[in-house]
Amino acid sequence: MSSTNVSTNKVLYVRQHIFSGVIRICHWLRAMSIVALVITGFYIAWPFLVAPQSSDVLVQGWIRLAHEIFGFVLIAVTLTRAYLFFFSKDDIERKSLKDVMSVKSWITQLKSYLWMGHLPHAGVYGPLQFVTYLGITLAAVFMCITGLVLYANVYHLGIGGALWEPAMWITQLMGGLAEVRVWHHYITWAFIIFVVIHVYMAVWMGIRFKHNSVDSIVSGYDYHPENGHH
C-alpha cells in the first residue's frame, strides 16, 4: 500500500484591532441618521402622503419630529467624532493625516484603484479616503448648522429660543430663510452621492484587496496575511 504526501500551502492571518467601540457606534448612528434624514427631508419638501379625512393624525408633524430627532443624533455624533479626532490618542482618522501630505501615498492609492498596484495594510484610511471623509464631515457640519437655523425659526422656546439670535445672523448672511432651505436641500445630494460611492467602494475593497473593510466596522477587527502575503 503506497502513501501519498499531500502538501498544502497555509497562509497565517493576523488579527488587527482597527475601530474602537465608540467609533463603530458613531459610524452606525451616523449612517442611520443620514438615511433617515434624507428620507424624511424629501418628504418634508414634498409631502405626498395624505392622512384619512376622518383621522386627526398629523403625518407631516410626525415626519418632522422624526427628522428633528435624527438631526440631533447627527449633531451629537458629529460633535463626538470631532472631539475624538482632536483629543483621542488612538483616533484612526488623525493617524491617517500624515498620508495626505505624502505624494507617495497618493500615488500608491491611485495606482491601486487603477489596478496597477496593491494597497499596504499599514493604515486604514488612504489620503483619498481621508479627504473624502473630511469633505462629508464638513457637509455634515453645514447641514447641522442650517438645520438648527430652520429649527430656531419654528420653535422659539428652549433650544430654538437660545439659538434665535445666531440663527437670525446666519439667515441674513445666507440671504434669507428661503436660501437656507435651498442650500440645506442641495447639500443633501452630497450625502446621497457619498453613501452610494461609500458602500460600493467598501465592497470593492473587500473583493479587490481581500480587505475586511465591511467586517471591521462591525467587529472592530481586520484580518490580513502574515508577512505581507496576498
C-alpha atoms as a PDB file:
ATOM      1  CA  MET A   1       0.000   0.000   0.000  1.00  0.00           C
ATOM      2  CA  SER A   2       1.543   3.264  -1.109  1.00  0.00           C
ATOM      3  CA  SER A   3       1.210   6.564   0.708  1.00  0.00           C
ATOM      4  CA  THR A   4       0.968   9.938  -0.932  1.00  0.00           C
ATOM      5  CA  ASN A   5       2.305  13.048   0.673  1.00  0.00           C
ATOM      6  CA  VAL A   6      -0.028  15.960   0.151  1.00  0.00           C
ATOM      7  CA  SER A   7       1.460  19.375   0.669  1.00  0.00           C
ATOM      8  CA  THR A   8      -0.733  22.320   1.426  1.00  0.00           C
ATOM      9  CA  ASN A   9       0.162  25.973   1.479  1.00  0.00           C
ATOM     10  CA  LYS A  10      -1.148  27.585   4.616  1.00  0.00           C
ATOM     11  CA  VAL A  11      -1.283  31.326   4.988  1.00  0.00           C
ATOM     12  CA  LEU A  12      -1.390  32.611   8.527  1.00  0.00           C
ATOM     13  CA  TYR A  13      -3.583  35.617   9.140  1.00  0.00           C
ATOM     14  CA  VAL A  14      -3.024  38.324  11.721  1.00  0.00           C
ATOM     15  CA  ARG A  15      -5.928  39.914  13.542  1.00  0.00           C
ATOM     16  CA  GLN A  16      -5.551  43.663  13.946  1.00  0.00           C
ATOM     17  CA  HIS A  17      -7.790  45.898  16.037  1.00  0.00           C
ATOM     18  CA  ILE A  18      -8.895  48.800  13.836  1.00  0.00           C
ATOM     19  CA  PHE A  19     -12.011  50.509  15.150  1.00  0.00           C
ATOM     20  CA  SER A  20     -12.893  51.089  18.795  1.00  0.00           C
ATOM     21  CA  GLY A  21     -16.395  50.550  20.108  1.00  0.00           C
ATOM     22  CA  VAL A  22     -17.100  54.287  20.199  1.00  0.00           C
ATOM     23  CA  ILE A  23     -16.011  54.721  16.573  1.00  0.00           C
ATOM     24  CA  ARG A  24     -18.225  51.838  15.453  1.00  0.00           C
ATOM     25  CA  ILE A  25     -21.231  53.171  17.361  1.00  0.00           C
ATOM     26  CA  CYS A  26     -20.704  56.637  15.885  1.00  0.00           C
ATOM     27  CA  HIS A  27     -20.398  55.176  12.381  1.00  0.00           C
ATOM     28  CA  TRP A  28     -23.670  53.276  12.529  1.00  0.00           C
ATOM     29  CA  LEU A  29     -25.551  56.059  14.291  1.00  0.00           C
ATOM     30  CA  ARG A  30     -24.356  58.488  11.620  1.00  0.00           C
ATOM     31  CA  ALA A  31     -25.307  56.065   8.841  1.00  0.00           C
ATOM     32  CA  MET A  32     -28.760  55.515  10.344  1.00  0.00           C
ATOM     33  CA  SER A  33     -29.350  59.229  10.894  1.00  0.00           C
ATOM     34  CA  ILE A  34     -28.237  60.179   7.361  1.00  0.00           C
ATOM     35  CA  VAL A  35     -30.585  57.644   5.753  1.00  0.00           C
ATOM     36  CA  ALA A  36     -33.477  58.721   7.982  1.00  0.00           C
ATOM     37  CA  LEU A  37     -32.775  62.425   7.409  1.00  0.00           C
ATOM     38  CA  VAL A  38     -32.654  62.024   3.637  1.00  0.00           C
ATOM     39  CA  ILE A  39     -35.961  60.142   3.549  1.00  0.00           C
ATOM     40  CA  THR A  40     -37.808  62.414   5.964  1.00  0.00           C
ATOM     41  CA  GLY A  41     -36.218  65.527   4.434  1.00  0.00           C
ATOM     42  CA  PHE A  42     -37.505  64.709   0.966  1.00  0.00           C
ATOM     43  CA  TYR A  43     -40.929  64.025   2.390  1.00  0.00           C
ATOM     44  CA  ILE A  44     -40.964  67.395   4.178  1.00  0.00           C
ATOM     45  CA  ALA A  45     -40.082  69.046   0.862  1.00  0.00           C
ATOM     46  CA  TRP A  46     -42.744  67.020  -0.967  1.00  0.00           C
ATOM     47  CA  PRO A  47     -45.438  65.699   1.416  1.00  0.00           C
ATOM     48  CA  PHE A  48     -47.070  63.103  -0.823  1.00  0.00           C
ATOM     49  CA  LEU A  49     -48.851  61.174   1.945  1.00  0.00           C
ATOM     50  CA  VAL A  50     -52.334  62.272   2.913  1.00  0.00           C
ATOM     51  CA  ALA A  51     -53.913  61.141   6.161  1.00  0.00           C
ATOM     52  CA  PRO A  52     -57.561  59.956   6.032  1.00  0.00           C
ATOM     53  CA  GLN A  53     -60.016  62.811   6.490  1.00  0.00           C
ATOM     54  CA  SER A  54     -61.534  61.076   9.486  1.00  0.00           C
ATOM     55  CA  SER A  55     -58.182  60.821  11.235  1.00  0.00           C
ATOM     56  CA  ASP A  56     -56.510  63.505  13.317  1.00  0.00           C
ATOM     57  CA  VAL A  57     -53.047  62.036  12.748  1.00  0.00           C
ATOM     58  CA  LEU A  58     -50.710  64.803  11.632  1.00  0.00           C
ATOM     59  CA  VAL A  59     -48.490  62.943   9.181  1.00  0.00           C
ATOM     60  CA  GLN A  60     -46.298  65.918   8.365  1.00  0.00           C
ATOM     61  CA  GLY A  61     -45.869  66.619  12.073  1.00  0.00           C
ATOM     62  CA  TRP A  62     -44.674  63.077  12.822  1.00  0.00           C
ATOM     63  CA  ILE A  63     -42.293  63.168   9.868  1.00  0.00           C
ATOM     64  CA  ARG A  64     -40.883  66.490  11.061  1.00  0.00           C
ATOM     65  CA  LEU A  65     -40.485  65.079  14.573  1.00  0.00           C
ATOM     66  CA  ALA A  66     -38.508  62.116  13.219  1.00  0.00           C
ATOM     67  CA  HIS A  67     -36.396  64.477  11.109  1.00  0.00           C
ATOM     68  CA  GLU A  68     -35.584  66.616  14.135  1.00  0.00           C
ATOM     69  CA  ILE A  69     -34.727  63.612  16.345  1.00  0.00           C
ATOM     70  CA  PHE A  70     -32.312  62.172  13.799  1.00  0.00           C
ATOM     71  CA  GLY A  71     -30.977  65.680  13.191  1.00  0.00           C
ATOM     72  CA  PHE A  72     -29.963  65.976  16.827  1.00  0.00           C
ATOM     73  CA  VAL A  73     -28.470  62.464  16.656  1.00  0.00           C
ATOM     74  CA  LEU A  74     -26.319  63.619  13.738  1.00  0.00           C
ATOM     75  CA  ILE A  75     -25.277  66.722  15.695  1.00  0.00           C
ATOM     76  CA  ALA A  76     -24.275  64.586  18.699  1.00  0.00           C
ATOM     77  CA  VAL A  77     -22.289  62.156  16.536  1.00  0.00           C
ATOM     78  CA  THR A  78     -20.571  64.986  14.658  1.00  0.00           C
ATOM     79  CA  LEU A  79     -19.511  66.638  17.912  1.00  0.00           C
ATOM     80  CA  THR A  80     -18.324  63.292  19.343  1.00  0.00           C
ATOM     81  CA  ARG A  81     -16.231  62.492  16.271  1.00  0.00           C
ATOM     82  CA  ALA A  82     -14.724  65.988  16.308  1.00  0.00           C
ATOM     83  CA  TYR A  83     -13.748  65.536  19.953  1.00  0.00           C
ATOM     84  CA  LEU A  84     -12.186  62.132  19.271  1.00  0.00           C
ATOM     85  CA  PHE A  85     -10.268  63.465  16.273  1.00  0.00           C
ATOM     86  CA  PHE A  86      -8.620  66.247  18.255  1.00  0.00           C
ATOM     87  CA  PHE A  87      -8.265  64.662  21.697  1.00  0.00           C
ATOM     88  CA  SER A  88      -8.280  60.861  21.422  1.00  0.00           C
ATOM     89  CA  LYS A  89      -4.836  59.249  21.459  1.00  0.00           C
ATOM     90  CA  ASP A  90      -5.900  56.401  19.166  1.00  0.00           C
ATOM     91  CA  ASP A  91      -8.167  58.163  16.667  1.00  0.00           C
ATOM     92  CA  ILE A  92      -7.863  56.276  13.385  1.00  0.00           C
ATOM     93  CA  GLU A  93      -8.540  59.313  11.194  1.00  0.00           C
ATOM     94  CA  ARG A  94      -5.899  61.519  12.793  1.00  0.00           C
ATOM     95  CA  LYS A  95      -3.341  58.732  12.365  1.00  0.00           C
ATOM     96  CA  SER A  96      -4.021  58.831   8.616  1.00  0.00           C
ATOM     97  CA  LEU A  97      -3.483  62.595   8.402  1.00  0.00           C
ATOM     98  CA  LYS A  98       0.222  62.270   7.551  1.00  0.00           C
ATOM     99  CA  ASP A  99      -0.630  60.275   4.403  1.00  0.00           C
ATOM    100  CA  VAL A 100      -2.477  63.285   2.991  1.00  0.00           C
ATOM    101  CA  MET A 101       0.824  65.186   2.902  1.00  0.00           C
ATOM    102  CA  SER A 102       2.668  62.288   1.264  1.00  0.00           C
ATOM    103  CA  VAL A 103       2.869  62.293  -2.529  1.00  0.00           C
ATOM    104  CA  LYS A 104       3.936  58.645  -2.393  1.00  0.00           C
ATOM    105  CA  SER A 105       0.774  57.689  -0.502  1.00  0.00           C
ATOM    106  CA  TRP A 106      -1.393  59.448  -3.101  1.00  0.00           C
ATOM    107  CA  ILE A 107       0.369  57.665  -5.959  1.00  0.00           C
ATOM    108  CA  THR A 108       0.130  54.290  -4.200  1.00  0.00           C
ATOM    109  CA  GLN A 109      -3.599  54.607  -3.590  1.00  0.00           C
ATOM    110  CA  LEU A 110      -4.425  55.946  -7.061  1.00  0.00           C
ATOM    111  CA  LYS A 111      -2.369  53.174  -8.692  1.00  0.00           C
ATOM    112  CA  SER A 112      -4.183  50.549  -6.626  1.00  0.00           C
ATOM    113  CA  TYR A 113      -7.556  51.930  -7.739  1.00  0.00           C
ATOM    114  CA  LEU A 114      -6.364  51.694 -11.368  1.00  0.00           C
ATOM    115  CA  TRP A 115      -5.368  48.021 -10.857  1.00  0.00           C
ATOM    116  CA  MET A 116      -1.679  48.950 -11.100  1.00  0.00           C
ATOM    117  CA  GLY A 117      -0.658  48.101  -7.535  1.00  0.00           C
ATOM    118  CA  HIS A 118      -1.711  46.862  -4.141  1.00  0.00           C
ATOM    119  CA  LEU A 119      -2.646  48.798  -1.032  1.00  0.00           C
ATOM    120  CA  PRO A 120      -0.448  48.219   2.035  1.00  0.00           C
ATOM    121  CA  HIS A 121      -2.086  47.255   5.317  1.00  0.00           C
ATOM    122  CA  ALA A 122      -0.206  49.903   7.250  1.00  0.00           C
ATOM    123  CA  GLY A 123      -3.207  52.176   7.657  1.00  0.00           C
ATOM    124  CA  VAL A 124      -6.981  52.070   7.376  1.00  0.00           C
ATOM    125  CA  TYR A 125      -7.540  55.322   5.518  1.00  0.00           C
ATOM    126  CA  GLY A 126      -5.598  56.371   2.452  1.00  0.00           C
ATOM    127  CA  PRO A 127      -5.221  60.056   1.511  1.00  0.00           C
ATOM    128  CA  LEU A 128      -8.161  59.970  -0.913  1.00  0.00           C
ATOM    129  CA  GLN A 129     -10.409  58.427   1.741  1.00  0.00           C
ATOM    130  CA  PHE A 130      -9.268  60.954   4.335  1.00  0.00           C
ATOM    131  CA  VAL A 131     -10.048  63.925   2.061  1.00  0.00           C
ATOM    132  CA  THR A 132     -13.426  62.401   1.149  1.00  0.00           C
ATOM    133  CA  TYR A 133     -14.359  61.820   4.795  1.00  0.00           C
ATOM    134  CA  LEU A 134     -13.223  65.337   5.661  1.00  0.00           C
ATOM    135  CA  GLY A 135     -15.463  66.714   2.923  1.00  0.00           C
ATOM    136  CA  ILE A 136     -18.520  64.761   4.074  1.00  0.00           C
ATOM    137  CA  THR A 137     -17.819  65.806   7.679  1.00  0.00           C
ATOM    138  CA  LEU A 138     -17.786  69.474   6.644  1.00  0.00           C
ATOM    139  CA  ALA A 139     -21.034  68.836   4.759  1.00  0.00           C
ATOM    140  CA  ALA A 140     -22.484  67.334   7.949  1.00  0.00           C
ATOM    141  CA  VAL A 141     -21.413  70.410   9.919  1.00  0.00           C
ATOM    142  CA  PHE A 142     -23.116  72.649   7.344  1.00  0.00           C
ATOM    143  CA  MET A 143     -26.287  70.539   7.493  1.00  0.00           C
ATOM    144  CA  CYS A 144     -26.303  70.623  11.296  1.00  0.00           C
ATOM    145  CA  ILE A 145     -25.923  74.409  11.371  1.00  0.00           C
ATOM    146  CA  THR A 146     -28.561  75.114   8.703  1.00  0.00           C
ATOM    147  CA  GLY A 147     -30.839  72.543  10.313  1.00  0.00           C
ATOM    148  CA  LEU A 148     -30.601  74.367  13.639  1.00  0.00           C
ATOM    149  CA  VAL A 149     -31.327  77.658  11.850  1.00  0.00           C
ATOM    150  CA  LEU A 150     -34.509  76.168  10.379  1.00  0.00           C
ATOM    151  CA  TYR A 151     -35.371  74.693  13.778  1.00  0.00           C
ATOM    152  CA  ALA A 152     -34.997  78.068  15.507  1.00  0.00           C
ATOM    153  CA  ASN A 153     -37.373  79.666  13.010  1.00  0.00           C
ATOM    154  CA  VAL A 154     -40.133  77.235  14.001  1.00  0.00           C
ATOM    155  CA  TYR A 155     -39.538  76.646  17.715  1.00  0.00           C
ATOM    156  CA  HIS A 156     -38.996  79.858  19.659  1.00  0.00           C
ATOM    157  CA  LEU A 157     -38.635  78.318  23.116  1.00  0.00           C
ATOM    158  CA  GLY A 158     -35.961  76.068  24.625  1.00  0.00           C
ATOM    159  CA  ILE A 159     -33.117  75.291  22.240  1.00  0.00           C
ATOM    160  CA  GLY A 160     -34.801  77.230  19.456  1.00  0.00           C
ATOM    161  CA  GLY A 161     -35.058  80.315  21.633  1.00  0.00           C
ATOM    162  CA  ALA A 162     -31.442  80.039  22.739  1.00  0.00           C
ATOM    163  CA  LEU A 163     -30.339  79.822  19.100  1.00  0.00           C
ATOM    164  CA  TRP A 164     -32.603  82.585  17.821  1.00  0.00           C
ATOM    165  CA  GLU A 165     -30.036  85.388  17.576  1.00  0.00           C
ATOM    166  CA  PRO A 166     -27.215  83.391  15.922  1.00  0.00           C
ATOM    167  CA  ALA A 167     -29.816  81.751  13.684  1.00  0.00           C
ATOM    168  CA  MET A 168     -31.029  85.159  12.520  1.00  0.00           C
ATOM    169  CA  TRP A 169     -27.440  86.234  11.834  1.00  0.00           C
ATOM    170  CA  ILE A 170     -26.792  83.138   9.706  1.00  0.00           C
ATOM    171  CA  THR A 171     -30.143  83.598   7.930  1.00  0.00           C
ATOM    172  CA  GLN A 172     -29.224  87.155   6.935  1.00  0.00           C
ATOM    173  CA  LEU A 173     -25.712  86.055   5.962  1.00  0.00           C
ATOM    174  CA  MET A 174     -27.112  83.443   3.582  1.00  0.00           C
ATOM    175  CA  GLY A 175     -29.616  85.827   2.037  1.00  0.00           C
ATOM    176  CA  GLY A 176     -32.835  84.815   3.742  1.00  0.00           C
ATOM    177  CA  LEU A 177     -34.629  81.772   5.095  1.00  0.00           C
ATOM    178  CA  ALA A 178     -35.538  80.528   1.608  1.00  0.00           C
ATOM    179  CA  GLU A 179     -31.847  80.345   0.697  1.00  0.00           C
ATOM    180  CA  VAL A 180     -31.117  78.411   3.894  1.00  0.00           C
ATOM    181  CA  ARG A 181     -33.737  75.834   2.894  1.00  0.00           C
ATOM    182  CA  VAL A 182     -32.450  75.631  -0.685  1.00  0.00           C
ATOM    183  CA  TRP A 183     -28.850  75.014   0.382  1.00  0.00           C
ATOM    184  CA  HIS A 184     -29.984  72.574   3.054  1.00  0.00           C
ATOM    185  CA  HIS A 185     -31.688  70.662   0.241  1.00  0.00           C
ATOM    186  CA  TYR A 186     -28.739  70.908  -2.170  1.00  0.00           C
ATOM    187  CA  ILE A 187     -26.180  69.507   0.270  1.00  0.00           C
ATOM    188  CA  THR A 188     -28.500  66.557   0.893  1.00  0.00           C
ATOM    189  CA  TRP A 189     -27.423  65.295  -2.529  1.00  0.00           C
ATOM    190  CA  ALA A 190     -23.810  65.229  -1.340  1.00  0.00           C
ATOM    191  CA  PHE A 191     -24.861  62.665   1.280  1.00  0.00           C
ATOM    192  CA  ILE A 192     -26.768  60.596  -1.281  1.00  0.00           C
ATOM    193  CA  ILE A 193     -23.813  60.510  -3.682  1.00  0.00           C
ATOM    194  CA  PHE A 194     -21.387  59.758  -0.834  1.00  0.00           C
ATOM    195  CA  VAL A 195     -23.439  56.848   0.539  1.00  0.00           C
ATOM    196  CA  VAL A 196     -23.702  55.171  -2.878  1.00  0.00           C
ATOM    197  CA  ILE A 197     -19.960  55.503  -3.578  1.00  0.00           C
ATOM    198  CA  HIS A 198     -19.014  54.605   0.007  1.00  0.00           C
ATOM    199  CA  VAL A 199     -20.952  51.329   0.001  1.00  0.00           C
ATOM    200  CA  TYR A 200     -19.639  50.425  -3.466  1.00  0.00           C
ATOM    201  CA  MET A 201     -16.016  51.121  -2.521  1.00  0.00           C
ATOM    202  CA  ALA A 202     -16.286  49.223   0.771  1.00  0.00           C
ATOM    203  CA  VAL A 203     -17.482  46.106  -1.069  1.00  0.00           C
ATOM    204  CA  TRP A 204     -14.982  46.632  -3.908  1.00  0.00           C
ATOM    205  CA  MET A 205     -12.092  46.928  -1.428  1.00  0.00           C
ATOM    206  CA  GLY A 206     -13.071  43.609   0.143  1.00  0.00           C
ATOM    207  CA  ILE A 207     -13.113  41.873  -3.238  1.00  0.00           C
ATOM    208  CA  ARG A 208     -10.077  43.597  -4.754  1.00  0.00           C
ATOM    209  CA  PHE A 209      -7.695  43.500  -1.766  1.00  0.00           C
ATOM    210  CA  LYS A 210      -9.278  40.794   0.426  1.00  0.00           C
ATOM    211  CA  HIS A 211      -9.613  43.588   2.969  1.00  0.00           C
ATOM    212  CA  ASN A 212     -12.399  43.283   5.558  1.00  0.00           C
ATOM    213  CA  SER A 213     -13.454  46.908   5.334  1.00  0.00           C
ATOM    214  CA  VAL A 214     -17.108  45.985   5.908  1.00  0.00           C
ATOM    215  CA  ASP A 215     -16.498  43.398   8.632  1.00  0.00           C
ATOM    216  CA  SER A 216     -14.087  45.624  10.553  1.00  0.00           C
ATOM    217  CA  ILE A 217     -16.623  48.402  11.078  1.00  0.00           C
ATOM    218  CA  VAL A 218     -18.909  45.750  12.634  1.00  0.00           C
ATOM    219  CA  SER A 219     -16.442  43.699  14.672  1.00  0.00           C
ATOM    220  CA  GLY A 220     -13.663  46.264  15.029  1.00  0.00           C
ATOM    221  CA  TYR A 221     -11.046  43.833  13.698  1.00  0.00           C
ATOM    222  CA  ASP A 222      -9.345  43.349  10.355  1.00  0.00           C
ATOM    223  CA  TYR A 223      -7.511  40.241   9.169  1.00  0.00           C
ATOM    224  CA  HIS A 224      -4.583  40.268   6.778  1.00  0.00           C
ATOM    225  CA  PRO A 225      -1.981  37.693   5.739  1.00  0.00           C
ATOM    226  CA  GLU A 226       1.109  37.449   7.916  1.00  0.00           C
ATOM    227  CA  ASN A 227       4.415  38.592   6.365  1.00  0.00           C
ATOM    228  CA  GLY A 228       2.559  40.544   3.697  1.00  0.00           C
ATOM    229  CA  HIS A 229       1.363  37.567   1.592  1.00  0.00           C
ATOM    230  CA  HIS A 230      -1.614  38.374  -0.649  1.00  0.00           C
END
